[in-house]
Amino acid sequence: MCLVKEHDLPYEFPQNVIEEADRINQKIEIKDIPNRVDLRR
């Protein structure tokens, strides 16, 4: 968040972006797992 403030970047998304993100399915299909990269570290 520090970089956002330092460079005066917007940190809130417009409502239409939030609504579109809400429509994305959050469930991962088992068949898709082999094609995914785990970036948790």
C-alpha atoms as a PDB file:
ATOM      1  CA  MET A   1       0.000   0.000   0.000  1.00  0.00           C
ATOM      2  CA  CYS A   2       2.965   2.277   0.584  1.00  0.00           C
ATOM      3  CA  LEU A   3       3.864   2.278  -3.128  1.00  0.00           C
ATOM      4  CA  VAL A   4       0.267   3.072  -4.021  1.00  0.00           C
ATOM      5  CA  LYS A   5       0.312   6.181  -1.860  1.00  0.00           C
ATOM      6  CA  GLU A   6       3.855   7.117  -2.810  1.00  0.00           C
ATOM      7  CA  HIS A   7       2.957   7.176  -6.514  1.00  0.00           C
ATOM      8  CA  ASP A   8      -0.592   8.462  -6.017  1.00  0.00           C
ATOM      9  CA  LEU A   9      -2.086   5.370  -7.659  1.00  0.00           C
ATOM     10  CA  PRO A  10      -5.787   4.557  -7.437  1.00  0.00           C
ATOM     11  CA  TYR A  11      -6.500   1.857  -4.869  1.00  0.00           C
ATOM     12  CA  GLU A  12     -10.232   1.387  -5.328  1.00  0.00           C
ATOM     13  CA  PHE A  13     -11.747  -0.391  -8.280  1.00  0.00           C
ATOM     14  CA  PRO A  14     -14.732   1.046 -10.164  1.00  0.00           C
ATOM     15  CA  GLN A  15     -18.043  -0.684  -9.406  1.00  0.00           C
ATOM     16  CA  ASN A  16     -18.241  -2.305 -12.859  1.00  0.00           C
ATOM     17  CA  VAL A  17     -14.846  -3.947 -12.285  1.00  0.00           C
ATOM     18  CA  ILE A  18     -15.945  -5.282  -8.899  1.00  0.00           C
ATOM     19  CA  GLU A  19     -19.149  -6.663 -10.417  1.00  0.00           C
ATOM     20  CA  GLU A  20     -17.247  -8.388 -13.209  1.00  0.00           C
ATOM     21  CA  ALA A  21     -14.783  -9.905 -10.740  1.00  0.00           C
ATOM     22  CA  ASP A  22     -17.705 -11.182  -8.666  1.00  0.00           C
ATOM     23  CA  ARG A  23     -18.961 -13.106 -11.703  1.00  0.00           C
ATOM     24  CA  ILE A  24     -15.728 -15.115 -12.003  1.00  0.00           C
ATOM     25  CA  ASN A  25     -16.116 -18.667 -10.772  1.00  0.00           C
ATOM     26  CA  GLN A  26     -13.907 -19.139  -7.703  1.00  0.00           C
ATOM     27  CA  LYS A  27     -14.090 -22.924  -7.790  1.00  0.00           C
ATOM     28  CA  ILE A  28     -11.184 -24.784  -9.387  1.00  0.00           C
ATOM     29  CA  GLU A  29     -12.132 -27.762 -11.515  1.00  0.00           C
ATOM     30  CA  ILE A  30     -10.107 -30.925 -10.846  1.00  0.00           C
ATOM     31  CA  LYS A  31      -9.395 -31.219 -14.581  1.00  0.00           C
ATOM     32  CA  ASP A  32      -7.752 -27.758 -14.561  1.00  0.00           C
ATOM     33  CA  ILE A  33      -5.283 -28.427 -11.731  1.00  0.00           C
ATOM     34  CA  PRO A  34      -2.518 -29.964 -13.914  1.00  0.00           C
ATOM     35  CA  ASN A  35      -2.511 -26.788 -16.051  1.00  0.00           C
ATOM     36  CA  ARG A  36      -2.124 -24.424 -13.084  1.00  0.00           C
ATOM     37  CA  VAL A  37       1.034 -23.057 -11.504  1.00  0.00           C
ATOM     38  CA  ASP A  38       1.127 -22.889  -7.698  1.00  0.00           C
ATOM     39  CA  LEU A  39       2.600 -19.476  -6.835  1.00  0.00           C
ATOM     40  CA  ARG A  40       2.148 -19.822  -3.063  1.00  0.00           C
ATOM     41  CA  ARG A  41       5.489 -19.528  -1.286  1.00  0.00           C
END
